[in-house]
Protein backbone atom coordinates (compact mmCIF):
# COMPACT_ATOMS: atom_id res chain seq x y z
CA MET A 1 57.98 -74.23 42.79
CA GLN A 2 60.03 -71.55 44.53
CA ARG A 3 63.78 -72.23 44.60
CA THR A 4 66.06 -71.43 47.55
CA LEU A 5 69.23 -69.35 47.14
CA LEU A 6 71.79 -69.32 49.97
CA LEU A 7 74.13 -66.28 50.16
CA ILE A 8 77.23 -66.45 52.41
CA ASP A 9 79.62 -63.53 53.08
CA ASP A 10 81.19 -62.36 56.36
CA ASP A 11 81.35 -58.74 55.16
CA PRO A 12 78.05 -57.01 56.14
CA GLY A 13 78.21 -54.53 53.24
CA ASN A 14 78.87 -57.23 50.63
CA LEU A 15 76.14 -59.45 52.08
CA GLN A 16 73.61 -56.60 51.93
CA ALA A 17 74.55 -55.89 48.31
CA LEU A 18 74.02 -59.56 47.43
CA GLU A 19 70.61 -59.54 49.12
CA LEU A 20 69.55 -56.41 47.20
CA ALA A 21 70.69 -58.00 43.91
CA PHE A 22 68.13 -60.77 44.35
CA ALA A 23 65.43 -58.82 46.17
CA ARG A 24 63.15 -58.84 43.12
CA SER A 25 63.85 -62.40 42.04
CA ASP A 26 61.37 -65.24 42.36
CA HIS A 27 63.77 -67.14 44.62
CA ARG A 28 63.60 -67.57 48.36
CA VAL A 29 66.80 -65.88 49.58
CA LEU A 30 68.68 -66.87 52.75
CA ALA A 31 71.60 -64.60 53.68
CA VAL A 32 74.11 -65.53 56.44
CA ASN A 33 77.39 -63.97 57.55
CA SER A 34 79.50 -67.08 58.23
CA GLY A 35 80.50 -70.32 56.57
CA GLU A 36 79.55 -72.22 59.72
CA ARG A 37 75.98 -70.94 59.59
CA GLY A 38 75.80 -71.66 55.88
CA ILE A 39 76.84 -75.27 56.49
CA GLU A 40 74.20 -75.59 59.21
CA ILE A 41 71.50 -74.44 56.78
CA LEU A 42 72.72 -76.91 54.14
CA ASN A 43 72.27 -79.69 56.67
CA GLU A 44 68.90 -78.42 57.91
CA GLU A 45 66.86 -77.75 54.75
CA PRO A 46 66.90 -78.06 50.95
CA VAL A 47 69.00 -75.45 49.15
CA ASP A 48 69.07 -75.16 45.35
CA VAL A 49 72.05 -72.82 44.74
CA VAL A 50 74.82 -71.48 46.99
CA VAL A 51 76.76 -68.23 46.48
CA THR A 52 79.68 -68.01 48.91
CA ASP A 53 82.69 -65.79 49.46
CA GLN A 54 86.00 -67.62 49.07
CA ARG A 55 87.72 -66.18 52.14
CA MET A 56 86.11 -65.69 55.55
CA GLY A 57 87.63 -64.56 58.87
CA GLU A 58 90.76 -66.17 60.26
CA GLY A 59 90.05 -69.68 61.52
CA LYS A 60 86.54 -69.62 60.10
CA ALA A 61 84.94 -72.02 57.60
CA ASP A 62 85.77 -70.67 54.12
CA GLY A 63 84.23 -71.18 50.69
CA LEU A 64 86.00 -74.53 50.18
CA ALA A 65 84.54 -75.81 53.45
CA VAL A 66 81.07 -74.76 52.27
CA LEU A 67 81.70 -76.50 48.93
CA ARG A 68 82.70 -79.74 50.64
CA ALA A 69 79.59 -79.62 52.83
CA ALA A 70 77.37 -79.02 49.79
CA GLN A 71 78.87 -81.99 47.97
CA LEU A 72 77.85 -84.31 50.80
CA ILE A 73 74.20 -83.59 49.92
CA GLN A 74 72.57 -85.68 47.19
CA PRO A 75 71.90 -84.24 44.74
CA ALA A 76 74.53 -81.59 45.53
CA PRO A 77 73.44 -77.96 44.99
CA PRO A 78 75.59 -75.88 42.58
CA VAL A 79 78.07 -73.59 44.40
CA ILE A 80 79.27 -70.25 42.97
CA VAL A 81 82.45 -68.94 44.59
CA LEU A 82 83.24 -65.21 44.91
CA THR A 83 86.93 -64.39 45.13
CA ALA A 84 89.34 -61.44 45.18
CA PHE A 85 91.75 -61.11 42.25
CA GLY A 86 94.71 -62.27 44.34
CA THR A 87 93.09 -65.61 45.23
CA ILE A 88 92.12 -66.73 41.72
CA PRO A 89 94.31 -69.89 41.95
CA SER A 90 92.31 -71.06 44.97
CA ALA A 91 89.06 -70.26 43.13
CA VAL A 92 90.22 -72.36 40.20
CA GLU A 93 90.95 -75.11 42.73
CA ALA A 94 87.37 -74.77 43.96
CA VAL A 95 86.02 -75.20 40.42
CA GLN A 96 88.22 -78.26 39.92
CA SER A 97 86.80 -79.59 43.18
CA GLY A 98 83.25 -79.31 41.88
CA ALA A 99 82.18 -75.66 42.17
CA PHE A 100 79.73 -74.51 39.49
CA ASN A 101 81.75 -71.37 38.72
CA TYR A 102 83.65 -68.48 40.30
CA LEU A 103 83.46 -64.67 39.92
CA THR A 104 86.13 -62.12 40.85
CA LYS A 105 85.55 -59.03 42.95
CA PRO A 106 84.31 -56.37 42.52
CA ILE A 107 81.28 -58.46 41.57
CA ASN A 108 79.35 -57.63 38.42
CA LEU A 109 75.82 -58.17 39.76
CA THR A 110 74.33 -58.67 36.30
CA GLU A 111 76.82 -61.46 35.65
CA LEU A 112 76.14 -62.93 39.10
CA ARG A 113 72.38 -63.02 38.47
CA LEU A 114 73.04 -64.71 35.11
CA GLN A 115 75.26 -67.36 36.74
CA VAL A 116 72.69 -67.99 39.47
CA GLU A 117 69.92 -68.50 36.87
CA ARG A 118 72.15 -70.95 34.98
CA ALA A 119 72.83 -72.81 38.20
CA MET A 120 69.09 -72.85 39.00
CA GLU A 121 68.38 -74.31 35.54
CA LYS A 122 71.04 -76.98 36.11
CA ARG A 123 69.41 -77.79 39.42
CA ARG A 124 65.96 -78.00 37.80
CA LEU A 125 67.18 -80.37 35.08
CA GLU A 126 68.90 -82.56 37.67
CA ALA A 127 65.66 -82.73 39.67
CA GLU A 128 63.73 -83.70 36.52
CA ASN A 129 66.26 -86.42 35.76
CA VAL A 130 65.92 -87.78 39.30
CA GLU A 131 62.12 -87.76 38.97
CA LEU A 132 62.34 -89.46 35.58
CA ARG A 133 64.61 -92.13 37.05
CA VAL A 134 62.12 -92.70 39.87
CA GLN A 135 59.29 -93.00 37.35
CA LEU A 136 61.32 -95.44 35.26
CA ASP A 137 62.12 -97.48 38.35
CA GLN A 138 58.47 -97.54 39.32
CA LYS A 139 57.38 -98.52 35.83
CA PHE A 140 60.15 -100.87 34.79
CA GLY A 141 61.84 -101.83 38.04
CA PHE A 142 61.04 -105.16 39.67
CA GLU A 143 58.35 -103.44 41.71
CA GLY A 144 56.62 -102.67 38.38
CA ILE A 145 55.94 -106.38 37.93
CA VAL A 146 52.65 -106.71 39.79
CA GLY A 147 51.98 -109.93 41.63
CA ASN A 148 52.36 -111.68 44.97
CA SER A 149 51.78 -115.22 43.74
CA PRO A 150 54.62 -117.76 44.12
CA PRO A 151 55.25 -117.98 40.32
CA VAL A 152 55.68 -114.20 40.03
CA GLN A 153 57.84 -113.92 43.14
CA ALA A 154 60.06 -116.73 41.82
CA LEU A 155 60.33 -114.89 38.49
CA ILE A 156 61.33 -111.64 40.22
CA GLU A 157 64.02 -113.48 42.16
CA GLN A 158 65.40 -114.86 38.87
CA LEU A 159 65.40 -111.35 37.43
CA ARG A 160 67.35 -110.01 40.41
CA ARG A 161 70.02 -112.65 39.93
CA ILE A 162 70.56 -112.26 36.21
CA ALA A 163 69.96 -108.52 35.65
CA PRO A 164 73.55 -107.48 36.57
CA SER A 165 75.10 -110.07 34.22
CA ARG A 166 75.93 -109.87 30.51
CA ALA A 167 74.16 -113.16 29.75
CA THR A 168 71.83 -113.51 26.78
CA VAL A 169 68.27 -114.16 27.99
CA LEU A 170 65.38 -116.00 26.35
CA ILE A 171 61.92 -115.10 27.68
CA GLU A 172 59.18 -117.66 27.01
CA GLY A 173 55.51 -116.95 27.54
CA ALA A 174 52.13 -116.74 25.87
CA SER A 175 50.98 -113.56 24.15
CA GLY A 176 49.89 -110.87 26.56
CA THR A 177 51.86 -112.14 29.57
CA GLY A 178 54.23 -109.13 29.66
CA LYS A 179 57.46 -110.36 28.07
CA GLU A 180 58.53 -106.86 27.02
CA LEU A 181 57.91 -105.62 30.57
CA LEU A 182 60.41 -108.23 31.78
CA ALA A 183 62.93 -107.17 29.15
CA ARG A 184 62.62 -103.55 30.28
CA ALA A 185 62.99 -104.57 33.92
CA LEU A 186 66.14 -106.53 33.06
CA HIS A 187 67.59 -103.52 31.26
CA GLN A 188 66.55 -100.99 33.89
CA ASN A 189 68.15 -103.00 36.69
CA SER A 190 71.39 -103.78 34.84
CA PRO A 191 74.66 -101.83 34.53
CA ARG A 192 73.40 -100.90 31.04
CA ARG A 193 70.48 -98.85 32.36
CA GLY A 194 72.17 -95.63 31.14
CA GLY A 195 72.27 -97.02 27.59
CA PRO A 196 69.44 -97.51 25.10
CA LEU A 197 66.87 -100.30 25.06
CA ILE A 198 65.97 -100.99 21.44
CA PRO A 199 62.96 -103.28 20.80
CA VAL A 200 62.51 -105.17 17.51
CA HIS A 201 59.29 -107.01 16.71
CA CYS A 202 60.67 -109.64 14.35
CA ALA A 203 57.28 -110.85 13.12
CA SER A 204 56.34 -107.38 11.82
CA LEU A 205 59.38 -107.01 9.54
CA ALA A 206 59.43 -108.37 6.00
CA GLU A 207 62.28 -110.81 5.32
CA SER A 208 63.68 -108.47 2.65
CA LEU A 209 63.97 -105.63 5.18
CA LEU A 210 65.08 -107.57 8.24
CA GLU A 211 68.83 -107.54 7.57
CA SER A 212 68.83 -103.79 6.90
CA GLU A 213 66.73 -103.13 10.02
CA LEU A 214 69.02 -105.18 12.25
CA PHE A 215 72.41 -104.24 10.83
CA GLY A 216 71.82 -101.05 8.84
CA HIS A 217 72.97 -100.23 5.32
CA GLU A 218 75.38 -98.02 3.42
CA LYS A 219 74.39 -95.34 0.95
CA GLY A 220 73.59 -96.90 -2.41
CA ALA A 221 73.36 -100.45 -1.03
CA PHE A 222 70.02 -100.87 -2.79
CA THR A 223 67.38 -98.80 -4.54
CA GLY A 224 66.15 -96.16 -2.15
CA ALA A 225 69.22 -96.27 0.12
CA VAL A 226 69.99 -92.56 -0.26
CA ALA A 227 72.09 -92.35 2.92
CA ARG A 228 73.82 -94.53 5.47
CA LYS A 229 71.39 -95.86 8.06
CA PRO A 230 72.43 -97.51 11.34
CA GLY A 231 70.63 -100.73 12.25
CA ARG A 232 69.05 -101.74 15.55
CA PHE A 233 72.23 -103.48 16.74
CA GLU A 234 74.20 -100.29 16.20
CA LEU A 235 71.55 -98.15 17.89
CA ALA A 236 71.61 -100.49 20.90
CA ASP A 237 75.39 -100.21 21.39
CA GLY A 238 76.11 -99.95 25.11
CA GLY A 239 72.58 -101.07 25.94
CA THR A 240 70.09 -103.86 25.33
CA LEU A 241 68.48 -105.20 22.15
CA PHE A 242 65.08 -106.86 22.66
CA LEU A 243 64.19 -109.29 19.86
CA ASP A 244 60.50 -110.05 20.28
CA GLU A 245 59.03 -113.13 18.55
CA ILE A 246 62.51 -114.41 17.70
CA GLY A 247 61.00 -117.61 16.35
CA ASP A 248 59.76 -115.72 13.26
CA ILE A 249 63.27 -114.86 12.01
CA PRO A 250 63.93 -116.74 8.74
CA LEU A 251 66.66 -119.41 8.62
CA SER A 252 68.86 -117.32 6.33
CA MET A 253 68.99 -114.54 8.91
CA GLN A 254 69.47 -116.94 11.81
CA VAL A 255 72.96 -117.78 10.49
CA VAL A 256 73.94 -114.10 10.47
CA LEU A 257 72.42 -113.49 13.90
CA LEU A 258 74.34 -116.42 15.39
CA ARG A 259 77.64 -115.03 14.11
CA VAL A 260 76.89 -111.56 15.52
CA LEU A 261 76.07 -113.02 18.94
CA GLU A 262 79.38 -114.92 18.95
CA THR A 263 81.69 -112.19 17.55
CA HIS A 264 79.81 -108.94 18.40
CA GLU A 265 80.63 -107.77 14.88
CA PHE A 266 78.63 -107.34 11.68
CA MET A 267 78.72 -105.48 8.38
CA ARG A 268 76.06 -103.09 7.21
CA VAL A 269 74.26 -104.08 4.01
CA GLY A 270 76.53 -102.93 1.20
CA GLY A 271 79.38 -102.26 3.63
CA GLN A 272 82.99 -103.44 3.55
CA GLU A 273 84.08 -102.78 7.14
CA ALA A 274 83.06 -104.66 10.26
CA VAL A 275 81.15 -102.72 12.91
CA ARG A 276 81.80 -103.83 16.50
CA VAL A 277 79.13 -103.32 19.17
CA ASP A 278 78.63 -104.04 22.86
CA VAL A 279 75.03 -105.21 23.09
CA ARG A 280 73.15 -107.49 25.45
CA VAL A 281 70.48 -109.47 23.61
CA VAL A 282 67.18 -110.39 25.24
CA ALA A 283 64.92 -112.50 23.01
CA ALA A 284 61.30 -113.53 23.50
CA THR A 285 58.97 -116.12 22.00
CA ASN A 286 55.32 -117.08 22.49
CA ARG A 287 55.85 -120.56 21.04
CA PRO A 288 58.24 -123.30 22.25
CA LEU A 289 61.44 -122.99 20.21
CA GLU A 290 62.26 -126.65 20.90
CA GLN A 291 59.39 -127.62 18.59
CA ALA A 292 60.65 -125.23 15.90
CA VAL A 293 64.13 -126.80 16.23
CA ALA A 294 62.67 -130.31 15.91
CA GLU A 295 60.77 -129.25 12.79
CA GLY A 296 63.87 -127.68 11.24
CA ARG A 297 62.48 -124.12 11.35
CA PHE A 298 64.97 -122.84 13.92
CA ARG A 299 68.69 -123.50 14.18
CA GLU A 300 69.66 -125.61 17.17
CA ASP A 301 72.99 -123.78 17.65
CA LEU A 302 71.21 -120.39 17.71
CA PHE A 303 68.61 -121.78 20.12
CA TYR A 304 71.27 -122.80 22.64
CA ARG A 305 73.14 -119.51 22.11
CA LEU A 306 69.99 -117.56 22.98
CA LYS A 307 68.90 -119.63 25.99
CA VAL A 308 71.95 -119.03 28.17
CA VAL A 309 69.29 -118.02 30.69
CA THR A 310 65.62 -118.89 30.17
CA LEU A 311 62.77 -117.10 31.90
CA ARG A 312 59.22 -118.43 31.71
CA VAL A 313 56.40 -115.93 32.22
CA PRO A 314 53.39 -117.75 33.70
CA PRO A 315 50.01 -117.26 32.03
CA LEU A 316 47.38 -115.48 34.08
CA ARG A 317 45.48 -118.72 34.72
CA GLU A 318 48.50 -119.97 36.73
CA ARG A 319 48.56 -116.82 38.88
CA ALA A 320 44.84 -116.14 39.31
CA GLY A 321 45.53 -115.01 42.87
CA ASP A 322 47.21 -111.91 41.40
CA ILE A 323 44.09 -110.82 39.49
CA PRO A 324 42.58 -108.67 42.32
CA LEU A 325 45.92 -106.86 42.73
CA LEU A 326 46.22 -106.34 38.97
CA VAL A 327 42.64 -105.06 38.80
CA ARG A 328 43.26 -102.49 41.55
CA THR A 329 46.56 -101.46 39.93
CA PHE A 330 44.93 -100.88 36.55
CA LEU A 331 41.99 -98.98 38.06
CA THR A 332 44.39 -96.70 39.94
CA GLU A 333 46.35 -96.10 36.72
CA PHE A 334 43.26 -95.24 34.67
CA ALA A 335 41.82 -93.07 37.44
CA LYS A 336 45.05 -91.05 37.61
CA GLU A 337 45.13 -90.75 33.83
CA HIS A 338 41.57 -89.37 33.72
CA GLY A 339 41.82 -87.30 36.90
CA GLN A 340 39.13 -89.28 38.69
CA PRO A 341 38.97 -91.24 41.94
CA ALA A 342 39.58 -94.97 41.56
CA PRO A 343 36.33 -96.92 41.98
CA LYS A 344 35.98 -99.89 44.31
CA VAL A 345 35.07 -103.36 43.02
CA SER A 346 32.31 -105.36 44.63
CA PRO A 347 33.27 -108.80 45.98
CA GLU A 348 30.93 -110.48 43.48
CA ALA A 349 32.46 -108.63 40.52
CA MET A 350 36.01 -109.32 41.72
CA ALA A 351 35.18 -113.02 42.12
CA ARG A 352 33.99 -113.19 38.52
CA LEU A 353 37.10 -111.37 37.29
CA ALA A 354 39.34 -113.73 39.26
CA ALA A 355 37.53 -116.84 38.04
CA HIS A 356 37.66 -115.95 34.32
CA HIS A 357 40.10 -117.91 32.13
CA TRP A 358 41.71 -114.81 30.43
CA PRO A 359 43.16 -116.43 27.28
CA GLY A 360 44.69 -113.06 26.35
CA ASN A 361 46.41 -112.92 29.76
CA VAL A 362 47.36 -109.61 31.40
CA ARG A 363 46.87 -107.64 28.19
CA GLU A 364 43.26 -108.86 27.90
CA LEU A 365 42.63 -108.15 31.58
CA ARG A 366 44.02 -104.64 31.29
CA ASN A 367 41.94 -103.83 28.20
CA THR A 368 38.83 -105.22 29.90
CA ILE A 369 39.39 -103.14 33.04
CA GLU A 370 39.94 -100.02 30.95
CA SER A 371 36.63 -100.59 29.16
CA ILE A 372 34.85 -101.23 32.48
CA PHE A 373 36.38 -98.07 33.96
CA LEU A 374 35.26 -95.90 31.05
CA PHE A 375 31.65 -97.10 31.07
CA HIS A 376 30.88 -97.80 34.73
CA THR A 377 28.68 -95.50 36.79
CA GLY A 378 28.80 -94.81 40.51
CA ASP A 379 31.56 -95.31 43.05
CA GLU A 380 31.67 -99.10 42.79
CA ILE A 381 32.08 -101.55 39.93
CA GLY A 382 29.48 -104.29 40.26
CA VAL A 383 28.53 -107.39 38.30
CA ARG A 384 26.24 -105.23 36.14
CA ASP A 385 29.32 -103.33 34.88
CA LEU A 386 31.10 -106.45 33.63
CA PRO A 387 31.15 -107.39 29.92
CA PRO A 388 28.75 -110.11 28.69
CA ASN A 389 31.33 -112.91 28.90
CA LEU A 390 31.66 -112.18 32.62
CA ALA A 391 27.97 -111.56 33.29
CA PRO A 392 25.86 -113.77 35.58
CA SER A 393 24.72 -117.12 34.26
CA THR A 394 21.35 -117.35 32.53
CA PRO A 395 18.52 -119.30 34.18
CA SER A 396 19.06 -122.21 31.78
CA GLU A 397 22.58 -122.51 33.11
CA SER A 398 21.49 -122.59 36.74
CA TRP A 399 22.37 -125.56 38.93
CA ALA A 400 19.87 -128.13 40.12
CA LEU A 401 20.85 -128.48 43.76
CA PRO A 402 19.61 -131.41 45.85
CA VAL A 403 17.37 -129.34 48.10
CA GLY A 404 14.50 -131.08 49.88
CA SER A 405 12.98 -131.74 53.26
CA GLU A 406 15.86 -134.07 54.16
CA THR A 407 18.68 -131.95 52.63
CA ARG A 408 21.42 -130.83 55.00
CA LEU A 409 23.25 -127.49 54.52
CA ASP A 410 26.66 -129.20 54.35
CA GLU A 411 25.42 -131.37 51.47
CA VAL A 412 24.39 -128.26 49.51
CA GLU A 413 27.80 -126.75 50.20
CA LYS A 414 29.57 -129.88 48.93
CA GLU A 415 27.49 -129.87 45.75
CA VAL A 416 28.27 -126.18 45.10
CA ILE A 417 31.98 -126.82 45.62
CA ARG A 418 31.92 -129.79 43.22
CA LYS A 419 30.12 -127.75 40.55
CA VAL A 420 32.49 -124.79 40.83
CA VAL A 421 35.65 -126.92 40.81
CA LEU A 422 34.32 -128.76 37.76
CA GLN A 423 33.56 -125.47 35.98
CA CYS A 424 37.09 -124.25 36.78
CA GLU A 425 38.56 -127.43 35.28
CA GLY A 426 40.05 -128.44 38.60
CA ASN A 427 41.89 -125.13 39.12
CA VAL A 428 41.67 -124.69 42.89
CA THR A 429 42.81 -121.06 42.83
CA ARG A 430 40.13 -120.01 40.36
CA ALA A 431 37.47 -122.05 42.15
CA ALA A 432 38.35 -120.47 45.51
CA ALA A 433 38.13 -117.00 43.99
CA ARG A 434 34.70 -117.77 42.52
CA LEU A 435 33.47 -119.15 45.84
CA GLY A 436 34.82 -116.14 47.73
CA ILE A 437 37.02 -118.19 50.06
CA SER A 438 40.78 -118.65 50.39
CA ARG A 439 42.64 -121.32 48.45
CA ARG A 440 43.70 -122.98 51.72
CA THR A 441 40.09 -123.12 52.96
CA LEU A 442 38.93 -124.73 49.71
CA GLN A 443 41.75 -127.29 49.85
CA ARG A 444 40.71 -128.19 53.40
CA LYS A 445 37.05 -128.58 52.39
CA LEU A 446 38.01 -130.77 49.38
CA LYS A 447 40.11 -132.95 51.65
CA GLU A 448 37.19 -133.32 54.08
CA MET A 449 34.92 -134.21 51.19
CA ASP A 450 37.29 -136.99 50.07
CA SER A 451 37.65 -138.45 53.55
């Protein structure tokens, strides 16, 4: 992408020399002979770097005025100030006020081109950082949690309330519901977003290694410890530590973890000095910790220390109304990844996807949609593209409907509704999706049937 360079000097000869210096550059060059006009351009269109003379005509907008105008733009373009030897103190003042750099006259054009390229690189990196922040916000911000159902909207509202706090959070939910996504959203929308987010999957670490992984070790602490190694708590200083599957931490380590949560201090394995950290802990579990406490497998004091705030992630069967939105989101993601247009989904196929139980929750749905995307043909995903567990029923599973010479259409409809609701184990949302009607319409029909 071509970058824009704005040159400002009220001396026609100097301005022409500046233009010639960048005539062969890849930049789009705008040259104006007054600070006022330069400020107008800054307010009218994007500018990447500004080169301005320090002093203009009497009563005219000078280089400092241009600098102040540039700083009102976000992100502010770098400003290079050109100054005569006698006004170096004011140029230094400009740098202290936020100018990228200053050069004294007569201008060394080679040095000026070098400074402009450095300023352009600074501008490019800033733009990349802004884009990265936008991508992070899109992926891990609250808008990254896909769903319009009441349970998901209630969860997002809870996240908004607790994200700015320092409170320890316990996330409860079945496997595949997106607990780590919530932890990332909490971190990304907290004052700690500039710090690290360090995840630890507690179940994957052997008990003998867990203490070293969490708190680090000193050189020589044990066989193979050839150097000091910081632990996850230390790496997360100033940020967030996500302890996934916290219920799998052994009792011996639970005592240590409780003390760290209360004092914010620990000692590395083999160490003699306490290490103090500022870490927010977010823990997650796929099994009720209350049961583990009752069975003596989890410390009650640690349990209450972790659940200062508790978030429950609903399983997909409780938010079946979000399945069409999730399906479209995943298809768009995979299409972008493979450089292809996103296919449509037929109503029949979407109804089957929405009516499925999804024991693996969002993770299972995502993996299924990826497989469907990779193997489907044509512009639309139909029932024929679904995996066998979502395929149409076999003839032996067909329903025997009470159809005869005296059968009324409304009686057939009632029988179909009863069969579908029974198959969906009474889940009205899933039954409505399978029938291709709204949840409210199905509730009304069920009420009429009971009357």
